[in-house]
Amino acid sequence: MIQATKNLSTEAMSKILEGKNNEYSLLYFPFHGVVAALRAMLAMSDAKVTFTQPDDWPVEKKETQFGHMPILYETDPITNQTLALTELSVLEEYIGRKYNFLGSNAYETNQILTFNSSTQSLFDKFVTLVVRTADPEIRAKMMETFLTSFIGEWAEFHERALQANVAAGIAKTGHYVGEKISLADLKTATVVTVMMKLSGDKFISEEKTPAIMEVCKTVEADERYKKWRASDDVKLFNEVTKQRFNL
């Protein structure tokens, strides 16, 4: 487990965060989980990054800030000083801002973070209601609740918003806002993959949600994203995700 440098001043830590050539190591389990979009942003940036997993998490978690992952270790290659950064939403905003996945102005940033939060909320409900329910009978009931109460509602509101933003001229087709791939685009593309494995085309499809599907196609057509999806890291995450969650 990487160790953060101790006894640094806030000024020294800020200087590390401002570095443009830093190296990153993202610690998380070897499946997609909640970090699919964060991993994609890091891989699509020009940063040097490795994706690692804990060796003995029950032991290692006691040494972390809050006892959970992801943890992003950021190292200044000149001083070799390392910071340990935590909390998914904070990490997504930090990396998104640093590597230009949060739009071109303050309004675009606000909207990207808003849509990202909404989609993350959908995925969090899936984890809370279904993934963490151990009893098979109760889990089946929770899955039915999730499918009937949450996926369709999310799809309806996001489809409407995407179409409205394109009509208003504040987004190009295939994006939530603007014309560049954003954190919100990546989050939807990665979460929709899971939602469609759970529900097929009942709620999300070319016919029912064409704007959402355009976002997915735009992300999947990006050369940086295609390179990431073809990597050995993603092949491992795909395999473990399928083995553990049948997804």
C-alpha atoms as a PDB file:
ATOM      1  CA  MET A   1       0.000   0.000   0.000  1.00  0.00           C
ATOM      2  CA  ILE A   2       1.358   3.409  -0.981  1.00  0.00           C
ATOM      3  CA  GLN A   3       2.114   5.718   1.915  1.00  0.00           C
ATOM      4  CA  ALA A   4       1.348   9.426   1.803  1.00  0.00           C
ATOM      5  CA  THR A   5       4.117  11.820   2.786  1.00  0.00           C
ATOM      6  CA  LYS A   6       3.609  13.015   6.348  1.00  0.00           C
ATOM      7  CA  ASN A   7       4.034  16.399   8.018  1.00  0.00           C
ATOM      8  CA  LEU A   8       3.664  18.545   4.909  1.00  0.00           C
ATOM      9  CA  SER A   9       2.350  22.085   5.192  1.00  0.00           C
ATOM     10  CA  THR A  10      -0.877  23.003   3.417  1.00  0.00           C
ATOM     11  CA  GLU A  11       1.210  25.182   1.092  1.00  0.00           C
ATOM     12  CA  ALA A  12       3.402  22.211   0.166  1.00  0.00           C
ATOM     13  CA  MET A  13       0.352  20.003  -0.404  1.00  0.00           C
ATOM     14  CA  SER A  14      -1.287  22.662  -2.557  1.00  0.00           C
ATOM     15  CA  LYS A  15       1.862  22.897  -4.655  1.00  0.00           C
ATOM     16  CA  ILE A  16       1.707  19.154  -5.286  1.00  0.00           C
ATOM     17  CA  LEU A  17      -1.924  19.398  -6.416  1.00  0.00           C
ATOM     18  CA  GLU A  18      -1.028  22.204  -8.810  1.00  0.00           C
ATOM     19  CA  GLY A  19       1.616  20.074 -10.534  1.00  0.00           C
ATOM     20  CA  LYS A  20       1.049  19.357 -14.218  1.00  0.00           C
ATOM     21  CA  ASN A  21       3.317  16.318 -14.548  1.00  0.00           C
ATOM     22  CA  ASN A  22       2.328  14.364 -11.472  1.00  0.00           C
ATOM     23  CA  GLU A  23       1.942  10.603 -11.311  1.00  0.00           C
ATOM     24  CA  TYR A  24      -1.217   8.896 -10.062  1.00  0.00           C
ATOM     25  CA  SER A  25      -2.149   5.571  -8.563  1.00  0.00           C
ATOM     26  CA  LEU A  26      -5.839   4.796  -8.048  1.00  0.00           C
ATOM     27  CA  LEU A  27      -6.560   2.181  -5.393  1.00  0.00           C
ATOM     28  CA  TYR A  28      -9.805   0.233  -5.743  1.00  0.00           C
ATOM     29  CA  PHE A  29     -11.069  -3.332  -6.048  1.00  0.00           C
ATOM     30  CA  PRO A  30     -10.338  -5.041  -9.407  1.00  0.00           C
ATOM     31  CA  PHE A  31     -13.879  -4.616 -10.737  1.00  0.00           C
ATOM     32  CA  HIS A  32     -15.668  -1.637 -12.260  1.00  0.00           C
ATOM     33  CA  GLY A  33     -17.827  -0.686  -9.277  1.00  0.00           C
ATOM     34  CA  VAL A  34     -18.244   3.036  -8.697  1.00  0.00           C
ATOM     35  CA  VAL A  35     -15.003   4.139 -10.364  1.00  0.00           C
ATOM     36  CA  ALA A  36     -15.618   3.350 -14.042  1.00  0.00           C
ATOM     37  CA  ALA A  37     -15.912   7.018 -15.049  1.00  0.00           C
ATOM     38  CA  LEU A  38     -13.042   8.128 -12.809  1.00  0.00           C
ATOM     39  CA  ARG A  39     -10.761   5.458 -14.237  1.00  0.00           C
ATOM     40  CA  ALA A  40     -11.777   6.470 -17.753  1.00  0.00           C
ATOM     41  CA  MET A  41     -10.963  10.136 -17.124  1.00  0.00           C
ATOM     42  CA  LEU A  42      -7.547   9.260 -15.739  1.00  0.00           C
ATOM     43  CA  ALA A  43      -6.821   6.905 -18.629  1.00  0.00           C
ATOM     44  CA  MET A  44      -7.995   9.475 -21.191  1.00  0.00           C
ATOM     45  CA  SER A  45      -5.875  12.254 -19.702  1.00  0.00           C
ATOM     46  CA  ASP A  46      -2.208  12.676 -20.538  1.00  0.00           C
ATOM     47  CA  ALA A  47      -1.203  11.768 -16.987  1.00  0.00           C
ATOM     48  CA  LYS A  48       0.924   8.830 -15.917  1.00  0.00           C
ATOM     49  CA  VAL A  49      -1.451   6.574 -13.982  1.00  0.00           C
ATOM     50  CA  THR A  50      -1.578   3.048 -12.605  1.00  0.00           C
ATOM     51  CA  PHE A  51      -4.617   1.190 -11.304  1.00  0.00           C
ATOM     52  CA  THR A  52      -3.943  -0.864  -8.204  1.00  0.00           C
ATOM     53  CA  GLN A  53      -5.880  -3.012  -5.763  1.00  0.00           C
ATOM     54  CA  PRO A  54      -5.424  -3.702  -2.051  1.00  0.00           C
ATOM     55  CA  ASP A  55      -3.429  -6.726  -0.944  1.00  0.00           C
ATOM     56  CA  ASP A  56      -5.269  -7.131   2.368  1.00  0.00           C
ATOM     57  CA  TRP A  57      -8.117  -4.632   2.545  1.00  0.00           C
ATOM     58  CA  PRO A  58      -9.427  -5.467   6.060  1.00  0.00           C
ATOM     59  CA  VAL A  59      -5.977  -4.572   7.375  1.00  0.00           C
ATOM     60  CA  GLU A  60      -5.217  -1.714   4.999  1.00  0.00           C
ATOM     61  CA  LYS A  61      -8.554   0.059   5.463  1.00  0.00           C
ATOM     62  CA  LYS A  62      -7.624   0.883   9.066  1.00  0.00           C
ATOM     63  CA  GLU A  63      -4.842   3.100   7.741  1.00  0.00           C
ATOM     64  CA  THR A  64      -7.086   5.088   5.380  1.00  0.00           C
ATOM     65  CA  GLN A  65      -8.916   8.343   6.013  1.00  0.00           C
ATOM     66  CA  PHE A  66     -12.465   6.955   6.093  1.00  0.00           C
ATOM     67  CA  GLY A  67     -12.036   3.209   5.678  1.00  0.00           C
ATOM     68  CA  HIS A  68     -13.195   2.948   2.086  1.00  0.00           C
ATOM     69  CA  MET A  69     -12.041   3.354  -1.495  1.00  0.00           C
ATOM     70  CA  PRO A  70     -11.311   4.769  -4.025  1.00  0.00           C
ATOM     71  CA  ILE A  71      -8.089   6.393  -2.888  1.00  0.00           C
ATOM     72  CA  LEU A  72      -6.070   8.449  -5.333  1.00  0.00           C
ATOM     73  CA  TYR A  73      -2.357   8.755  -4.620  1.00  0.00           C
ATOM     74  CA  GLU A  74      -0.790  11.737  -6.362  1.00  0.00           C
ATOM     75  CA  THR A  75       2.998  12.017  -6.456  1.00  0.00           C
ATOM     76  CA  ASP A  76       5.239  14.896  -7.456  1.00  0.00           C
ATOM     77  CA  PRO A  77       7.979  13.138  -9.488  1.00  0.00           C
ATOM     78  CA  ILE A  78      10.526  15.828  -8.604  1.00  0.00           C
ATOM     79  CA  THR A  79      10.161  15.836  -4.812  1.00  0.00           C
ATOM     80  CA  ASN A  80       8.716  12.294  -4.618  1.00  0.00           C
ATOM     81  CA  GLN A  81       6.131  13.608  -2.167  1.00  0.00           C
ATOM     82  CA  THR A  82       2.752  11.863  -2.234  1.00  0.00           C
ATOM     83  CA  LEU A  83      -0.758  12.865  -1.215  1.00  0.00           C
ATOM     84  CA  ALA A  84      -3.640  10.463  -0.541  1.00  0.00           C
ATOM     85  CA  LEU A  85      -6.954  11.889  -1.774  1.00  0.00           C
ATOM     86  CA  THR A  86     -10.351  10.359  -1.013  1.00  0.00           C
ATOM     87  CA  GLU A  87     -14.117  10.522  -1.684  1.00  0.00           C
ATOM     88  CA  LEU A  88     -15.415   9.642  -5.142  1.00  0.00           C
ATOM     89  CA  SER A  89     -17.321  12.850  -5.900  1.00  0.00           C
ATOM     90  CA  VAL A  90     -14.365  14.991  -4.825  1.00  0.00           C
ATOM     91  CA  LEU A  91     -11.922  12.950  -6.900  1.00  0.00           C
ATOM     92  CA  GLU A  92     -14.160  13.106  -9.968  1.00  0.00           C
ATOM     93  CA  GLU A  93     -14.490  16.871  -9.739  1.00  0.00           C
ATOM     94  CA  TYR A  94     -10.767  17.325  -9.074  1.00  0.00           C
ATOM     95  CA  ILE A  95      -9.602  15.166 -11.989  1.00  0.00           C
ATOM     96  CA  GLY A  96     -12.393  16.457 -14.213  1.00  0.00           C
ATOM     97  CA  ARG A  97     -11.349  20.044 -13.591  1.00  0.00           C
ATOM     98  CA  LYS A  98      -7.627  19.342 -13.925  1.00  0.00           C
ATOM     99  CA  TYR A  99      -7.936  17.435 -17.206  1.00  0.00           C
ATOM    100  CA  ASN A 100     -10.784  19.356 -18.850  1.00  0.00           C
ATOM    101  CA  PHE A 101     -13.781  17.066 -18.376  1.00  0.00           C
ATOM    102  CA  LEU A 102     -15.918  19.766 -16.719  1.00  0.00           C
ATOM    103  CA  GLY A 103     -16.829  21.935 -19.680  1.00  0.00           C
ATOM    104  CA  SER A 104     -15.697  25.341 -20.875  1.00  0.00           C
ATOM    105  CA  ASN A 105     -17.343  27.728 -18.413  1.00  0.00           C
ATOM    106  CA  ALA A 106     -18.937  27.930 -14.975  1.00  0.00           C
ATOM    107  CA  TYR A 107     -22.438  27.063 -16.200  1.00  0.00           C
ATOM    108  CA  GLU A 108     -21.258  23.989 -18.094  1.00  0.00           C
ATOM    109  CA  THR A 109     -19.320  22.852 -15.024  1.00  0.00           C
ATOM    110  CA  ASN A 110     -22.402  23.253 -12.848  1.00  0.00           C
ATOM    111  CA  GLN A 111     -24.560  21.254 -15.238  1.00  0.00           C
ATOM    112  CA  ILE A 112     -21.985  18.508 -15.744  1.00  0.00           C
ATOM    113  CA  LEU A 113     -21.661  18.034 -11.989  1.00  0.00           C
ATOM    114  CA  THR A 114     -25.455  18.085 -11.624  1.00  0.00           C
ATOM    115  CA  PHE A 115     -26.071  15.367 -14.214  1.00  0.00           C
ATOM    116  CA  ASN A 116     -23.128  13.357 -12.918  1.00  0.00           C
ATOM    117  CA  SER A 117     -24.572  13.479  -9.400  1.00  0.00           C
ATOM    118  CA  SER A 118     -27.979  12.334 -10.639  1.00  0.00           C
ATOM    119  CA  THR A 119     -26.537   9.349 -12.489  1.00  0.00           C
ATOM    120  CA  GLN A 120     -24.279   8.422  -9.581  1.00  0.00           C
ATOM    121  CA  SER A 121     -27.350   8.492  -7.344  1.00  0.00           C
ATOM    122  CA  LEU A 122     -29.009   5.911  -9.596  1.00  0.00           C
ATOM    123  CA  PHE A 123     -25.980   3.641  -9.386  1.00  0.00           C
ATOM    124  CA  ASP A 124     -25.726   4.108  -5.614  1.00  0.00           C
ATOM    125  CA  LYS A 125     -29.341   2.974  -5.242  1.00  0.00           C
ATOM    126  CA  PHE A 126     -28.490  -0.177  -7.179  1.00  0.00           C
ATOM    127  CA  VAL A 127     -25.540  -0.898  -4.894  1.00  0.00           C
ATOM    128  CA  THR A 128     -27.501  -0.190  -1.709  1.00  0.00           C
ATOM    129  CA  LEU A 129     -30.705  -2.003  -2.611  1.00  0.00           C
ATOM    130  CA  VAL A 130     -29.359  -4.936  -4.605  1.00  0.00           C
ATOM    131  CA  VAL A 131     -25.619  -5.547  -4.451  1.00  0.00           C
ATOM    132  CA  ARG A 132     -25.361  -5.283  -0.671  1.00  0.00           C
ATOM    133  CA  THR A 133     -28.407  -7.474   0.012  1.00  0.00           C
ATOM    134  CA  ALA A 134     -27.146 -10.939   0.908  1.00  0.00           C
ATOM    135  CA  ASP A 135     -30.401 -12.904   1.189  1.00  0.00           C
ATOM    136  CA  PRO A 136     -31.314 -14.167  -2.337  1.00  0.00           C
ATOM    137  CA  GLU A 137     -35.074 -13.846  -1.838  1.00  0.00           C
ATOM    138  CA  ILE A 138     -34.885 -10.319  -0.472  1.00  0.00           C
ATOM    139  CA  ARG A 139     -32.345  -9.410  -3.124  1.00  0.00           C
ATOM    140  CA  ALA A 140     -34.741 -10.486  -5.883  1.00  0.00           C
ATOM    141  CA  LYS A 141     -37.445  -8.253  -4.402  1.00  0.00           C
ATOM    142  CA  MET A 142     -35.020  -5.351  -4.141  1.00  0.00           C
ATOM    143  CA  MET A 143     -34.018  -5.860  -7.766  1.00  0.00           C
ATOM    144  CA  GLU A 144     -37.658  -5.674  -8.820  1.00  0.00           C
ATOM    145  CA  THR A 145     -38.092  -2.485  -6.803  1.00  0.00           C
ATOM    146  CA  PHE A 146     -35.010  -0.971  -8.388  1.00  0.00           C
ATOM    147  CA  LEU A 147     -36.074  -1.888 -11.913  1.00  0.00           C
ATOM    148  CA  THR A 148     -39.634  -0.624 -11.580  1.00  0.00           C
ATOM    149  CA  SER A 149     -39.002   2.489  -9.491  1.00  0.00           C
ATOM    150  CA  PHE A 150     -35.679   3.990 -10.507  1.00  0.00           C
ATOM    151  CA  ILE A 151     -34.244   3.138 -13.947  1.00  0.00           C
ATOM    152  CA  GLY A 152     -37.260   4.322 -15.910  1.00  0.00           C
ATOM    153  CA  GLU A 153     -37.524   7.564 -13.972  1.00  0.00           C
ATOM    154  CA  TRP A 154     -33.829   8.333 -14.467  1.00  0.00           C
ATOM    155  CA  ALA A 155     -34.085   7.597 -18.188  1.00  0.00           C
ATOM    156  CA  GLU A 156     -37.163   9.800 -18.609  1.00  0.00           C
ATOM    157  CA  PHE A 157     -35.641  12.858 -16.954  1.00  0.00           C
ATOM    158  CA  HIS A 158     -32.210  12.532 -18.563  1.00  0.00           C
ATOM    159  CA  GLU A 159     -33.654  11.954 -22.023  1.00  0.00           C
ATOM    160  CA  ARG A 160     -35.792  15.063 -21.667  1.00  0.00           C
ATOM    161  CA  ALA A 161     -32.854  17.153 -20.431  1.00  0.00           C
ATOM    162  CA  LEU A 162     -30.526  16.000 -23.200  1.00  0.00           C
ATOM    163  CA  GLN A 163     -33.057  16.794 -25.904  1.00  0.00           C
ATOM    164  CA  ALA A 164     -33.816  20.182 -24.339  1.00  0.00           C
ATOM    165  CA  ASN A 165     -30.144  21.125 -24.129  1.00  0.00           C
ATOM    166  CA  VAL A 166     -29.561  20.267 -27.787  1.00  0.00           C
ATOM    167  CA  ALA A 167     -32.689  22.198 -28.818  1.00  0.00           C
ATOM    168  CA  ALA A 168     -31.528  25.212 -26.789  1.00  0.00           C
ATOM    169  CA  GLY A 169     -28.128  25.150 -28.450  1.00  0.00           C
ATOM    170  CA  ILE A 170     -26.163  24.591 -25.254  1.00  0.00           C
ATOM    171  CA  ALA A 171     -25.136  21.058 -26.194  1.00  0.00           C
ATOM    172  CA  LYS A 172     -24.174  19.162 -29.300  1.00  0.00           C
ATOM    173  CA  THR A 173     -25.907  15.849 -29.921  1.00  0.00           C
ATOM    174  CA  GLY A 174     -24.168  13.193 -27.836  1.00  0.00           C
ATOM    175  CA  HIS A 175     -23.298  15.506 -24.938  1.00  0.00           C
ATOM    176  CA  TYR A 176     -25.036  16.900 -21.872  1.00  0.00           C
ATOM    177  CA  VAL A 177     -23.547  20.351 -22.445  1.00  0.00           C
ATOM    178  CA  GLY A 178     -20.991  21.739 -24.861  1.00  0.00           C
ATOM    179  CA  GLU A 179     -19.294  19.644 -27.504  1.00  0.00           C
ATOM    180  CA  LYS A 180     -16.522  17.863 -25.594  1.00  0.00           C
ATOM    181  CA  ILE A 181     -16.713  14.606 -23.667  1.00  0.00           C
ATOM    182  CA  SER A 182     -17.401  15.418 -20.040  1.00  0.00           C
ATOM    183  CA  LEU A 183     -17.575  13.637 -16.718  1.00  0.00           C
ATOM    184  CA  ALA A 184     -21.376  13.520 -17.090  1.00  0.00           C
ATOM    185  CA  ASP A 185     -21.075  11.867 -20.510  1.00  0.00           C
ATOM    186  CA  LEU A 186     -18.636   9.280 -19.175  1.00  0.00           C
ATOM    187  CA  LYS A 187     -20.748   8.560 -16.107  1.00  0.00           C
ATOM    188  CA  THR A 188     -23.870   7.972 -18.184  1.00  0.00           C
ATOM    189  CA  ALA A 189     -22.048   5.793 -20.726  1.00  0.00           C
ATOM    190  CA  THR A 190     -20.570   3.580 -18.009  1.00  0.00           C
ATOM    191  CA  VAL A 191     -23.736   3.354 -15.902  1.00  0.00           C
ATOM    192  CA  VAL A 192     -26.047   2.719 -18.877  1.00  0.00           C
ATOM    193  CA  THR A 193     -23.942  -0.343 -19.700  1.00  0.00           C
ATOM    194  CA  VAL A 194     -24.883  -1.782 -16.301  1.00  0.00           C
ATOM    195  CA  MET A 195     -28.516  -0.665 -16.404  1.00  0.00           C
ATOM    196  CA  MET A 196     -29.109  -2.284 -19.800  1.00  0.00           C
ATOM    197  CA  LYS A 197     -27.617  -5.551 -18.571  1.00  0.00           C
ATOM    198  CA  LEU A 198     -30.172  -5.449 -15.764  1.00  0.00           C
ATOM    199  CA  SER A 199     -33.247  -4.332 -17.711  1.00  0.00           C
ATOM    200  CA  GLY A 200     -32.527  -4.966 -21.392  1.00  0.00           C
ATOM    201  CA  ASP A 201     -34.295  -2.425 -23.605  1.00  0.00           C
ATOM    202  CA  LYS A 202     -37.290  -1.984 -21.316  1.00  0.00           C
ATOM    203  CA  PHE A 203     -36.302   1.550 -20.294  1.00  0.00           C
ATOM    204  CA  ILE A 204     -33.234   2.510 -22.333  1.00  0.00           C
ATOM    205  CA  SER A 205     -33.007   1.898 -26.074  1.00  0.00           C
ATOM    206  CA  GLU A 206     -32.454   3.594 -29.426  1.00  0.00           C
ATOM    207  CA  GLU A 207     -36.220   3.944 -29.794  1.00  0.00           C
ATOM    208  CA  LYS A 208     -37.136   5.054 -26.268  1.00  0.00           C
ATOM    209  CA  THR A 209     -34.089   7.127 -25.310  1.00  0.00           C
ATOM    210  CA  PRO A 210     -32.261   8.178 -28.491  1.00  0.00           C
ATOM    211  CA  ALA A 211     -30.464  11.113 -26.842  1.00  0.00           C
ATOM    212  CA  ILE A 212     -29.071   8.932 -24.048  1.00  0.00           C
ATOM    213  CA  MET A 213     -27.905   6.387 -26.600  1.00  0.00           C
ATOM    214  CA  GLU A 214     -26.182   9.171 -28.576  1.00  0.00           C
ATOM    215  CA  VAL A 215     -24.170  10.040 -25.471  1.00  0.00           C
ATOM    216  CA  CYS A 216     -23.089   6.411 -25.160  1.00  0.00           C
ATOM    217  CA  LYS A 217     -22.146   6.203 -28.838  1.00  0.00           C
ATOM    218  CA  THR A 218     -20.190   9.465 -28.688  1.00  0.00           C
ATOM    219  CA  VAL A 219     -18.158   8.251 -25.719  1.00  0.00           C
ATOM    220  CA  GLU A 220     -17.570   4.829 -27.246  1.00  0.00           C
ATOM    221  CA  ALA A 221     -16.361   6.402 -30.514  1.00  0.00           C
ATOM    222  CA  ASP A 222     -13.681   8.484 -28.785  1.00  0.00           C
ATOM    223  CA  GLU A 223     -10.227   7.114 -29.646  1.00  0.00           C
ATOM    224  CA  ARG A 224      -8.910   7.670 -26.118  1.00  0.00           C
ATOM    225  CA  TYR A 225     -11.857   5.770 -24.662  1.00  0.00           C
ATOM    226  CA  LYS A 226     -11.532   2.937 -27.178  1.00  0.00           C
ATOM    227  CA  LYS A 227      -7.860   2.559 -26.278  1.00  0.00           C
ATOM    228  CA  TRP A 228      -8.758   2.435 -22.591  1.00  0.00           C
ATOM    229  CA  ARG A 229     -11.528  -0.124 -23.149  1.00  0.00           C
ATOM    230  CA  ALA A 230      -9.090  -2.353 -25.041  1.00  0.00           C
ATOM    231  CA  SER A 231      -6.480  -2.252 -22.263  1.00  0.00           C
ATOM    232  CA  ASP A 232      -5.447  -5.182 -20.088  1.00  0.00           C
ATOM    233  CA  ASP A 233      -6.721  -3.286 -17.040  1.00  0.00           C
ATOM    234  CA  VAL A 234     -10.264  -3.133 -18.408  1.00  0.00           C
ATOM    235  CA  LYS A 235     -10.134  -6.768 -19.490  1.00  0.00           C
ATOM    236  CA  LEU A 236      -9.367  -7.688 -15.873  1.00  0.00           C
ATOM    237  CA  PHE A 237     -12.115  -5.418 -14.515  1.00  0.00           C
ATOM    238  CA  ASN A 238     -14.604  -6.924 -16.987  1.00  0.00           C
ATOM    239  CA  GLU A 239     -13.703 -10.459 -15.958  1.00  0.00           C
ATOM    240  CA  VAL A 240     -13.902  -9.838 -12.212  1.00  0.00           C
ATOM    241  CA  THR A 241     -17.128  -7.825 -12.538  1.00  0.00           C
ATOM    242  CA  LYS A 242     -18.757 -10.675 -14.448  1.00  0.00           C
ATOM    243  CA  GLN A 243     -17.528 -13.289 -11.974  1.00  0.00           C
ATOM    244  CA  ARG A 244     -18.620 -11.404  -8.871  1.00  0.00           C
ATOM    245  CA  PHE A 245     -21.786  -9.653 -10.020  1.00  0.00           C
ATOM    246  CA  ASN A 246     -22.777 -11.391 -13.271  1.00  0.00           C
ATOM    247  CA  LEU A 247     -22.596  -8.034 -15.058  1.00  0.00           C
END
